[in-house]
Full PDB file with SEQRES, HELIX, SHEET, SSBOND, CRYST1, ORIGX, SCALE, CONECT and MASTER records, all heavy atoms in Angstrom:
SEQRES   1 A   37  SER VAL ASN GLU ARG ARG LYS GLU ILE GLY ILE LEU LYS          
SEQRES   2 A   37  SER LEU GLY ALA ASP GLU ARG GLU ILE ARG SER LEU PHE          
SEQRES   3 A   37  LEU VAL GLU SER GLY VAL ILE GLY ILE LEU GLY                  
HELIX    1 AA1 ARG A    6  SER A   14  1                                   9    
HELIX    2 AA2 GLU A   19  LEU A   36  1                                  18    
CRYST1    1.000    1.000    1.000  90.00  90.00  90.00 P 1           1          
ORIGX1      1.000000  0.000000  0.000000        0.00000                         
ORIGX2      0.000000  1.000000  0.000000        0.00000                         
ORIGX3      0.000000  0.000000  1.000000        0.00000                         
SCALE1      1.000000  0.000000  0.000000        0.00000                         
SCALE2      0.000000  1.000000  0.000000        0.00000                         
SCALE3      0.000000  0.000000  1.000000        0.00000                         
ATOM      1  N   SER A   1     276.185 126.535 192.816  1.00  0.00           N  
ATOM      2  CA  SER A   1     276.964 127.260 193.812  1.00  0.00           C  
ATOM      3  C   SER A   1     276.054 128.036 194.748  1.00  0.00           C  
ATOM      4  O   SER A   1     276.286 128.089 195.970  1.00  0.00           O  
ATOM      5  CB  SER A   1     277.943 128.202 193.108  1.00  0.00           C  
ATOM      6  OG  SER A   1     278.718 128.924 194.042  1.00  0.00           O  
ATOM      7  N   VAL A   2     274.995 128.636 194.207  1.00  0.00           N  
ATOM      8  CA  VAL A   2     274.057 129.387 195.050  1.00  0.00           C  
ATOM      9  C   VAL A   2     273.370 128.455 196.041  1.00  0.00           C  
ATOM     10  O   VAL A   2     273.243 128.756 197.242  1.00  0.00           O  
ATOM     11  CB  VAL A   2     273.022 130.119 194.171  1.00  0.00           C  
ATOM     12  CG1 VAL A   2     271.897 130.691 195.018  1.00  0.00           C  
ATOM     13  CG2 VAL A   2     273.687 131.223 193.367  1.00  0.00           C  
ATOM     14  N   ASN A   3     272.914 127.285 195.559  1.00  0.00           N  
ATOM     15  CA  ASN A   3     272.221 126.339 196.444  1.00  0.00           C  
ATOM     16  C   ASN A   3     273.142 125.812 197.534  1.00  0.00           C  
ATOM     17  O   ASN A   3     272.723 125.606 198.682  1.00  0.00           O  
ATOM     18  CB  ASN A   3     271.659 125.184 195.621  1.00  0.00           C  
ATOM     19  CG  ASN A   3     270.504 125.613 194.739  1.00  0.00           C  
ATOM     20  OD1 ASN A   3     269.790 126.562 195.071  1.00  0.00           O  
ATOM     21  ND2 ASN A   3     270.326 124.933 193.612  1.00  0.00           N  
ATOM     22  N   GLU A   4     274.421 125.573 197.183  1.00  0.00           N  
ATOM     23  CA  GLU A   4     275.357 125.021 198.154  1.00  0.00           C  
ATOM     24  C   GLU A   4     275.848 126.058 199.156  1.00  0.00           C  
ATOM     25  O   GLU A   4     276.335 125.701 200.240  1.00  0.00           O  
ATOM     26  CB  GLU A   4     276.558 124.414 197.415  1.00  0.00           C  
ATOM     27  CG  GLU A   4     276.201 123.181 196.587  1.00  0.00           C  
ATOM     28  CD  GLU A   4     277.364 122.723 195.738  1.00  0.00           C  
ATOM     29  OE1 GLU A   4     278.404 123.432 195.739  1.00  0.00           O  
ATOM     30  OE2 GLU A   4     277.249 121.688 195.044  1.00  0.00           O  
ATOM     31  N   ARG A   5     275.725 127.336 198.808  1.00  0.00           N  
ATOM     32  CA  ARG A   5     276.297 128.389 199.653  1.00  0.00           C  
ATOM     33  C   ARG A   5     275.220 129.283 200.273  1.00  0.00           C  
ATOM     34  O   ARG A   5     275.454 130.442 200.585  1.00  0.00           O  
ATOM     35  CB  ARG A   5     277.256 129.241 198.813  1.00  0.00           C  
ATOM     36  CG  ARG A   5     278.441 128.459 198.300  1.00  0.00           C  
ATOM     37  CD  ARG A   5     279.143 129.140 197.156  1.00  0.00           C  
ATOM     38  NE  ARG A   5     279.689 130.432 197.530  1.00  0.00           N  
ATOM     39  CZ  ARG A   5     280.216 131.303 196.679  1.00  0.00           C  
ATOM     40  NH1 ARG A   5     280.238 131.012 195.382  1.00  0.00           N  
ATOM     41  NH2 ARG A   5     280.683 132.457 197.098  1.00  0.00           N  
ATOM     42  N   ARG A   6     274.013 128.722 200.463  1.00  0.00           N  
ATOM     43  CA  ARG A   6     272.947 129.521 201.066  1.00  0.00           C  
ATOM     44  C   ARG A   6     273.307 129.971 202.476  1.00  0.00           C  
ATOM     45  O   ARG A   6     273.033 131.100 202.881  1.00  0.00           O  
ATOM     46  CB  ARG A   6     271.642 128.710 201.087  1.00  0.00           C  
ATOM     47  CG  ARG A   6     271.050 128.495 199.693  1.00  0.00           C  
ATOM     48  CD  ARG A   6     269.800 127.626 199.769  1.00  0.00           C  
ATOM     49  NE  ARG A   6     268.745 128.274 200.549  1.00  0.00           N  
ATOM     50  CZ  ARG A   6     267.878 129.139 200.052  1.00  0.00           C  
ATOM     51  NH1 ARG A   6     267.941 129.467 198.767  1.00  0.00           N  
ATOM     52  NH2 ARG A   6     266.947 129.657 200.818  1.00  0.00           N  
ATOM     53  N   LYS A   7     273.963 129.082 203.241  1.00  0.00           N  
ATOM     54  CA  LYS A   7     274.351 129.451 204.604  1.00  0.00           C  
ATOM     55  C   LYS A   7     275.379 130.590 204.566  1.00  0.00           C  
ATOM     56  O   LYS A   7     275.307 131.546 205.349  1.00  0.00           O  
ATOM     57  CB  LYS A   7     274.936 128.238 205.324  1.00  0.00           C  
ATOM     58  CG  LYS A   7     275.380 128.550 206.755  1.00  0.00           C  
ATOM     59  CD  LYS A   7     275.940 127.309 207.435  1.00  0.00           C  
ATOM     60  CE  LYS A   7     276.391 127.652 208.862  1.00  0.00           C  
ATOM     61  NZ  LYS A   7     276.972 126.467 209.550  1.00  0.00           N  
ATOM     62  N   GLU A   8     276.344 130.474 203.629  1.00  0.00           N  
ATOM     63  CA  GLU A   8     277.355 131.525 203.496  1.00  0.00           C  
ATOM     64  C   GLU A   8     276.710 132.857 203.124  1.00  0.00           C  
ATOM     65  O   GLU A   8     277.075 133.913 203.657  1.00  0.00           O  
ATOM     66  CB  GLU A   8     278.370 131.121 202.417  1.00  0.00           C  
ATOM     67  CG  GLU A   8     279.451 132.161 202.161  1.00  0.00           C  
ATOM     68  CD  GLU A   8     280.371 131.751 201.024  1.00  0.00           C  
ATOM     69  OE1 GLU A   8     280.471 130.552 200.728  1.00  0.00           O  
ATOM     70  OE2 GLU A   8     280.987 132.666 200.430  1.00  0.00           O  
ATOM     71  N   ILE A   9     275.708 132.795 202.250  1.00  0.00           N  
ATOM     72  CA  ILE A   9     275.007 134.016 201.850  1.00  0.00           C  
ATOM     73  C   ILE A   9     274.263 134.604 203.041  1.00  0.00           C  
ATOM     74  O   ILE A   9     274.266 135.825 203.270  1.00  0.00           O  
ATOM     75  CB  ILE A   9     274.034 133.715 200.695  1.00  0.00           C  
ATOM     76  CG1 ILE A   9     274.808 133.282 199.449  1.00  0.00           C  
ATOM     77  CG2 ILE A   9     273.167 134.937 200.369  1.00  0.00           C  
ATOM     78  CD1 ILE A   9     273.946 132.756 198.331  1.00  0.00           C  
ATOM     79  N   GLY A  10     273.607 133.713 203.819  1.00  0.00           N  
ATOM     80  CA  GLY A  10     272.884 134.187 205.006  1.00  0.00           C  
ATOM     81  C   GLY A  10     273.808 134.846 206.005  1.00  0.00           C  
ATOM     82  O   GLY A  10     273.467 135.881 206.603  1.00  0.00           O  
ATOM     83  N   ILE A  11     274.981 134.261 206.214  1.00  0.00           N  
ATOM     84  CA  ILE A  11     275.942 134.853 207.170  1.00  0.00           C  
ATOM     85  C   ILE A  11     276.410 136.211 206.670  1.00  0.00           C  
ATOM     86  O   ILE A  11     276.505 137.177 207.454  1.00  0.00           O  
ATOM     87  CB  ILE A  11     277.131 133.899 207.364  1.00  0.00           C  
ATOM     88  CG1 ILE A  11     276.677 132.602 208.057  1.00  0.00           C  
ATOM     89  CG2 ILE A  11     278.237 134.581 208.162  1.00  0.00           C  
ATOM     90  CD1 ILE A  11     277.749 131.554 208.152  1.00  0.00           C  
ATOM     91  N   LEU A  12     276.732 136.312 205.371  1.00  0.00           N  
ATOM     92  CA  LEU A  12     277.199 137.584 204.823  1.00  0.00           C  
ATOM     93  C   LEU A  12     276.134 138.671 204.971  1.00  0.00           C  
ATOM     94  O   LEU A  12     276.435 139.819 205.293  1.00  0.00           O  
ATOM     95  CB  LEU A  12     277.575 137.411 203.339  1.00  0.00           C  
ATOM     96  CG  LEU A  12     278.847 136.598 203.057  1.00  0.00           C  
ATOM     97  CD1 LEU A  12     279.004 136.365 201.561  1.00  0.00           C  
ATOM     98  CD2 LEU A  12     280.074 137.336 203.599  1.00  0.00           C  
ATOM     99  N   LYS A  13     274.866 138.291 204.733  1.00  0.00           N  
ATOM    100  CA  LYS A  13     273.802 139.284 204.858  1.00  0.00           C  
ATOM    101  C   LYS A  13     273.591 139.684 206.312  1.00  0.00           C  
ATOM    102  O   LYS A  13     273.299 140.850 206.612  1.00  0.00           O  
ATOM    103  CB  LYS A  13     272.502 138.732 204.274  1.00  0.00           C  
ATOM    104  CG  LYS A  13     272.459 138.787 202.752  1.00  0.00           C  
ATOM    105  CD  LYS A  13     271.040 138.641 202.250  1.00  0.00           C  
ATOM    106  CE  LYS A  13     270.950 138.988 200.787  1.00  0.00           C  
ATOM    107  NZ  LYS A  13     269.557 138.971 200.299  1.00  0.00           N  
ATOM    108  N   SER A  14     273.735 138.714 207.227  1.00  0.00           N  
ATOM    109  CA  SER A  14     273.567 139.044 208.645  1.00  0.00           C  
ATOM    110  C   SER A  14     274.697 139.932 209.145  1.00  0.00           C  
ATOM    111  O   SER A  14     274.538 140.663 210.133  1.00  0.00           O  
ATOM    112  CB  SER A  14     273.509 137.753 209.475  1.00  0.00           C  
ATOM    113  OG  SER A  14     274.764 137.065 209.413  1.00  0.00           O  
ATOM    114  N   LEU A  15     275.835 139.888 208.454  1.00  0.00           N  
ATOM    115  CA  LEU A  15     276.969 140.734 208.827  1.00  0.00           C  
ATOM    116  C   LEU A  15     276.904 142.108 208.153  1.00  0.00           C  
ATOM    117  O   LEU A  15     277.804 142.921 208.335  1.00  0.00           O  
ATOM    118  CB  LEU A  15     278.284 140.047 208.453  1.00  0.00           C  
ATOM    119  CG  LEU A  15     278.603 138.766 209.251  1.00  0.00           C  
ATOM    120  CD1 LEU A  15     279.874 138.120 208.727  1.00  0.00           C  
ATOM    121  CD2 LEU A  15     278.770 139.102 210.742  1.00  0.00           C  
ATOM    122  N   GLY A  16     275.857 142.327 207.361  1.00  0.00           N  
ATOM    123  CA  GLY A  16     275.686 143.666 206.785  1.00  0.00           C  
ATOM    124  C   GLY A  16     275.835 143.748 205.289  1.00  0.00           C  
ATOM    125  O   GLY A  16     275.713 144.851 204.719  1.00  0.00           O  
ATOM    126  N   ALA A  17     276.112 142.634 204.609  1.00  0.00           N  
ATOM    127  CA  ALA A  17     276.249 142.672 203.145  1.00  0.00           C  
ATOM    128  C   ALA A  17     274.866 142.880 202.524  1.00  0.00           C  
ATOM    129  O   ALA A  17     273.895 142.225 202.914  1.00  0.00           O  
ATOM    130  CB  ALA A  17     276.862 141.380 202.638  1.00  0.00           C  
ATOM    131  N   ASP A  18     274.755 143.813 201.579  1.00  0.00           N  
ATOM    132  CA  ASP A  18     273.466 144.052 200.936  1.00  0.00           C  
ATOM    133  C   ASP A  18     273.352 143.217 199.660  1.00  0.00           C  
ATOM    134  O   ASP A  18     274.265 142.477 199.289  1.00  0.00           O  
ATOM    135  CB  ASP A  18     273.280 145.543 200.625  1.00  0.00           C  
ATOM    136  CG  ASP A  18     274.426 146.096 199.772  1.00  0.00           C  
ATOM    137  OD1 ASP A  18     275.145 145.286 199.135  1.00  0.00           O  
ATOM    138  OD2 ASP A  18     274.615 147.326 199.734  1.00  0.00           O  
ATOM    139  N   GLU A  19     272.210 143.356 198.988  1.00  0.00           N  
ATOM    140  CA  GLU A  19     271.955 142.548 197.786  1.00  0.00           C  
ATOM    141  C   GLU A  19     272.951 142.865 196.669  1.00  0.00           C  
ATOM    142  O   GLU A  19     273.357 141.978 195.920  1.00  0.00           O  
ATOM    143  CB  GLU A  19     270.516 142.800 197.300  1.00  0.00           C  
ATOM    144  CG  GLU A  19     269.449 142.216 198.207  1.00  0.00           C  
ATOM    145  CD  GLU A  19     268.072 142.338 197.595  1.00  0.00           C  
ATOM    146  OE1 GLU A  19     267.976 142.892 196.481  1.00  0.00           O  
ATOM    147  OE2 GLU A  19     267.100 141.876 198.222  1.00  0.00           O  
ATOM    148  N   ARG A  20     273.338 144.129 196.541  1.00  0.00           N  
ATOM    149  CA  ARG A  20     274.276 144.513 195.485  1.00  0.00           C  
ATOM    150  C   ARG A  20     275.607 143.801 195.656  1.00  0.00           C  
ATOM    151  O   ARG A  20     276.203 143.329 194.686  1.00  0.00           O  
ATOM    152  CB  ARG A  20     274.469 146.018 195.495  1.00  0.00           C  
ATOM    153  CG  ARG A  20     275.395 146.536 194.376  1.00  0.00           C  
ATOM    154  CD  ARG A  20     275.565 148.034 194.485  1.00  0.00           C  
ATOM    155  NE  ARG A  20     276.163 148.415 195.752  1.00  0.00           N  
ATOM    156  CZ  ARG A  20     277.489 148.369 196.010  1.00  0.00           C  
ATOM    157  NH1 ARG A  20     278.322 147.947 195.073  1.00  0.00           N  
ATOM    158  NH2 ARG A  20     277.946 148.735 197.182  1.00  0.00           N  
ATOM    159  N   GLU A  21     276.079 143.693 196.905  1.00  0.00           N  
ATOM    160  CA  GLU A  21     277.370 143.044 197.153  1.00  0.00           C  
ATOM    161  C   GLU A  21     277.286 141.534 196.916  1.00  0.00           C  
ATOM    162  O   GLU A  21     278.230 140.920 196.394  1.00  0.00           O  
ATOM    163  CB  GLU A  21     277.825 143.332 198.583  1.00  0.00           C  
ATOM    164  CG  GLU A  21     278.211 144.788 198.806  1.00  0.00           C  
ATOM    165  CD  GLU A  21     278.548 145.080 200.253  1.00  0.00           C  
ATOM    166  OE1 GLU A  21     277.890 144.505 201.143  1.00  0.00           O  
ATOM    167  OE2 GLU A  21     279.470 145.883 200.495  1.00  0.00           O  
ATOM    168  N   ILE A  22     276.145 140.923 197.306  1.00  0.00           N  
ATOM    169  CA  ILE A  22     275.983 139.490 197.062  1.00  0.00           C  
ATOM    170  C   ILE A  22     275.941 139.213 195.556  1.00  0.00           C  
ATOM    171  O   ILE A  22     276.567 138.272 195.052  1.00  0.00           O  
ATOM    172  CB  ILE A  22     274.694 138.972 197.745  1.00  0.00           C  
ATOM    173  CG1 ILE A  22     274.779 139.167 199.273  1.00  0.00           C  
ATOM    174  CG2 ILE A  22     274.468 137.494 197.407  1.00  0.00           C  
ATOM    175  CD1 ILE A  22     275.923 138.415 199.930  1.00  0.00           C  
ATOM    176  N   ARG A  23     275.197 140.070 194.831  1.00  0.00           N  
ATOM    177  CA  ARG A  23     275.119 139.902 193.381  1.00  0.00           C  
ATOM    178  C   ARG A  23     276.507 140.074 192.754  1.00  0.00           C  
ATOM    179  O   ARG A  23     276.908 139.307 191.861  1.00  0.00           O  
ATOM    180  CB  ARG A  23     274.147 140.926 192.794  1.00  0.00           C  
ATOM    181  CG  ARG A  23     273.914 140.730 191.284  1.00  0.00           C  
ATOM    182  CD  ARG A  23     272.987 141.804 190.707  1.00  0.00           C  
ATOM    183  NE  ARG A  23     271.661 141.729 191.283  1.00  0.00           N  
ATOM    184  CZ  ARG A  23     271.163 142.613 192.138  1.00  0.00           C  
ATOM    185  NH1 ARG A  23     271.909 143.655 192.518  1.00  0.00           N  
ATOM    186  NH2 ARG A  23     269.940 142.497 192.612  1.00  0.00           N  
ATOM    187  N   SER A  24     277.250 141.068 193.217  1.00  0.00           N  
ATOM    188  CA  SER A  24     278.585 141.320 192.681  1.00  0.00           C  
ATOM    189  C   SER A  24     279.517 140.147 192.944  1.00  0.00           C  
ATOM    190  O   SER A  24     280.377 139.815 192.116  1.00  0.00           O  
ATOM    191  CB  SER A  24     279.174 142.593 193.296  1.00  0.00           C  
ATOM    192  OG  SER A  24     278.373 143.722 192.987  1.00  0.00           O  
ATOM    193  N   LEU A  25     279.333 139.494 194.125  1.00  0.00           N  
ATOM    194  CA  LEU A  25     280.196 138.361 194.471  1.00  0.00           C  
ATOM    195  C   LEU A  25     280.076 137.240 193.435  1.00  0.00           C  
ATOM    196  O   LEU A  25     281.076 136.705 192.969  1.00  0.00           O  
ATOM    197  CB  LEU A  25     279.815 137.842 195.863  1.00  0.00           C  
ATOM    198  CG  LEU A  25     280.573 136.595 196.361  1.00  0.00           C  
ATOM    199  CD1 LEU A  25     282.051 136.915 196.534  1.00  0.00           C  
ATOM    200  CD2 LEU A  25     279.970 136.097 197.674  1.00  0.00           C  
ATOM    201  N   PHE A  26     278.856 136.914 193.059  1.00  0.00           N  
ATOM    202  CA  PHE A  26     278.660 135.826 192.101  1.00  0.00           C  
ATOM    203  C   PHE A  26     278.968 136.270 190.669  1.00  0.00           C  
ATOM    204  O   PHE A  26     279.408 135.465 189.840  1.00  0.00           O  
ATOM    205  CB  PHE A  26     277.224 135.303 192.209  1.00  0.00           C  
ATOM    206  CG  PHE A  26     277.004 134.452 193.423  1.00  0.00           C  
ATOM    207  CD1 PHE A  26     276.615 135.012 194.633  1.00  0.00           C  
ATOM    208  CD2 PHE A  26     277.215 133.085 193.365  1.00  0.00           C  
ATOM    209  CE1 PHE A  26     276.426 134.227 195.760  1.00  0.00           C  
ATOM    210  CE2 PHE A  26     277.025 132.288 194.486  1.00  0.00           C  
ATOM    211  CZ  PHE A  26     276.634 132.855 195.689  1.00  0.00           C  
ATOM    212  N   LEU A  27     278.733 137.559 190.363  1.00  0.00           N  
ATOM    213  CA  LEU A  27     279.100 138.051 189.036  1.00  0.00           C  
ATOM    214  C   LEU A  27     280.614 138.028 188.836  1.00  0.00           C  
ATOM    215  O   LEU A  27     281.100 137.724 187.747  1.00  0.00           O  
ATOM    216  CB  LEU A  27     278.557 139.465 188.832  1.00  0.00           C  
ATOM    217  CG  LEU A  27     277.059 139.582 188.539  1.00  0.00           C  
ATOM    218  CD1 LEU A  27     276.648 141.045 188.440  1.00  0.00           C  
ATOM    219  CD2 LEU A  27     276.699 138.857 187.246  1.00  0.00           C  
ATOM    220  N   VAL A  28     281.365 138.365 189.903  1.00  0.00           N  
ATOM    221  CA  VAL A  28     282.825 138.313 189.809  1.00  0.00           C  
ATOM    222  C   VAL A  28     283.276 136.875 189.570  1.00  0.00           C  
ATOM    223  O   VAL A  28     284.184 136.606 188.783  1.00  0.00           O  
ATOM    224  CB  VAL A  28     283.468 138.886 191.089  1.00  0.00           C  
ATOM    225  CG1 VAL A  28     284.966 138.561 191.144  1.00  0.00           C  
ATOM    226  CG2 VAL A  28     283.270 140.390 191.157  1.00  0.00           C  
ATOM    227  N   GLU A  29     282.599 135.939 190.228  1.00  0.00           N  
ATOM    228  CA  GLU A  29     282.962 134.536 190.049  1.00  0.00           C  
ATOM    229  C   GLU A  29     282.737 134.090 188.603  1.00  0.00           C  
ATOM    230  O   GLU A  29     283.599 133.441 187.994  1.00  0.00           O  
ATOM    231  CB  GLU A  29     282.132 133.682 191.007  1.00  0.00           C  
ATOM    232  CG  GLU A  29     282.575 132.228 191.051  1.00  0.00           C  
ATOM    233  CD  GLU A  29     281.890 131.467 192.172  1.00  0.00           C  
ATOM    234  OE1 GLU A  29     281.657 132.067 193.238  1.00  0.00           O  
ATOM    235  OE2 GLU A  29     281.598 130.278 191.965  1.00  0.00           O  
ATOM    236  N   SER A  30     281.571 134.438 188.032  1.00  0.00           N  
ATOM    237  CA  SER A  30     281.314 134.065 186.632  1.00  0.00           C  
ATOM    238  C   SER A  30     282.234 134.841 185.686  1.00  0.00           C  
ATOM    239  O   SER A  30     282.655 134.314 184.655  1.00  0.00           O  
ATOM    240  CB  SER A  30     279.849 134.343 186.279  1.00  0.00           C  
ATOM    241  OG  SER A  30     279.546 135.720 186.407  1.00  0.00           O  
ATOM    242  N   GLY A  31     282.578 136.095 186.055  1.00  0.00           N  
ATOM    243  CA  GLY A  31     283.506 136.868 185.234  1.00  0.00           C  
ATOM    244  C   GLY A  31     284.896 136.264 185.222  1.00  0.00           C  
ATOM    245  O   GLY A  31     285.571 136.260 184.181  1.00  0.00           O  
ATOM    246  N   VAL A  32     285.349 135.751 186.368  1.00  0.00           N  
ATOM    247  CA  VAL A  32     286.664 135.103 186.428  1.00  0.00           C  
ATOM    248  C   VAL A  32     286.679 133.859 185.544  1.00  0.00           C  
ATOM    249  O   VAL A  32     287.651 133.596 184.824  1.00  0.00           O  
ATOM    250  CB  VAL A  32     287.017 134.745 187.887  1.00  0.00           C  
ATOM    251  CG1 VAL A  32     288.251 133.841 187.934  1.00  0.00           C  
ATOM    252  CG2 VAL A  32     287.261 135.999 188.702  1.00  0.00           C  
ATOM    253  N   ILE A  33     285.569 133.098 185.575  1.00  0.00           N  
ATOM    254  CA  ILE A  33     285.479 131.928 184.692  1.00  0.00           C  
ATOM    255  C   ILE A  33     285.576 132.367 183.230  1.00  0.00           C  
ATOM    256  O   ILE A  33     286.270 131.743 182.413  1.00  0.00           O  
ATOM    257  CB  ILE A  33     284.162 131.173 184.950  1.00  0.00           C  
ATOM    258  CG1 ILE A  33     284.192 130.526 186.337  1.00  0.00           C  
ATOM    259  CG2 ILE A  33     283.940 130.109 183.876  1.00  0.00           C  
ATOM    260  CD1 ILE A  33     282.883 129.864 186.725  1.00  0.00           C  
ATOM    261  N   GLY A  34     284.896 133.472 182.904  1.00  0.00           N  
ATOM    262  CA  GLY A  34     284.938 133.974 181.534  1.00  0.00           C  
ATOM    263  C   GLY A  34     286.322 134.440 181.127  1.00  0.00           C  
ATOM    264  O   GLY A  34     286.775 134.159 180.005  1.00  0.00           O  
ATOM    265  N   ILE A  35     287.015 135.146 182.026  1.00  0.00           N  
ATOM    266  CA  ILE A  35     288.358 135.646 181.703  1.00  0.00           C  
ATOM    267  C   ILE A  35     289.334 134.489 181.514  1.00  0.00           C  
ATOM    268  O   ILE A  35     290.089 134.436 180.533  1.00  0.00           O  
ATOM    269  CB  ILE A  35     288.849 136.602 182.800  1.00  0.00           C  
ATOM    270  CG1 ILE A  35     288.019 137.885 182.787  1.00  0.00           C  
ATOM    271  CG2 ILE A  35     290.323 136.932 182.611  1.00  0.00           C  
ATOM    272  CD1 ILE A  35     288.337 138.825 183.931  1.00  0.00           C  
ATOM    273  N   LEU A  36     289.321 133.541 182.476  1.00  0.00           N  
ATOM    274  CA  LEU A  36     290.250 132.408 182.371  1.00  0.00           C  
ATOM    275  C   LEU A  36     289.954 131.566 181.135  1.00  0.00           C  
ATOM    276  O   LEU A  36     290.873 131.176 180.396  1.00  0.00           O  
ATOM    277  CB  LEU A  36     290.135 131.548 183.638  1.00  0.00           C  
ATOM    278  CG  LEU A  36     290.614 132.190 184.948  1.00  0.00           C  
ATOM    279  CD1 LEU A  36     290.374 131.240 186.128  1.00  0.00           C  
ATOM    280  CD2 LEU A  36     292.081 132.561 184.861  1.00  0.00           C  
ATOM    281  N   GLY A  37     288.665 131.284 180.906  1.00  0.00           N  
ATOM    282  CA  GLY A  37     288.304 130.476 179.750  1.00  0.00           C  
ATOM    283  C   GLY A  37     288.617 131.177 178.432  1.00  0.00           C  
ATOM    284  O   GLY A  37     289.102 130.553 177.487  1.00  0.00           O  
TER     285      GLY A  37                                                      
MASTER        0    0    0    2    0    0    0    6  284    1    0    3          
END                                                                             
């Protein structure tokens, strides 16, 4: 997902998203997988 969404990550960072928010975005995604599973 990280490799496929590098452009999306670049756009989010150019719009002002910091590293903490990017990290949280992917952690929430893995957390949702954990909750559903």
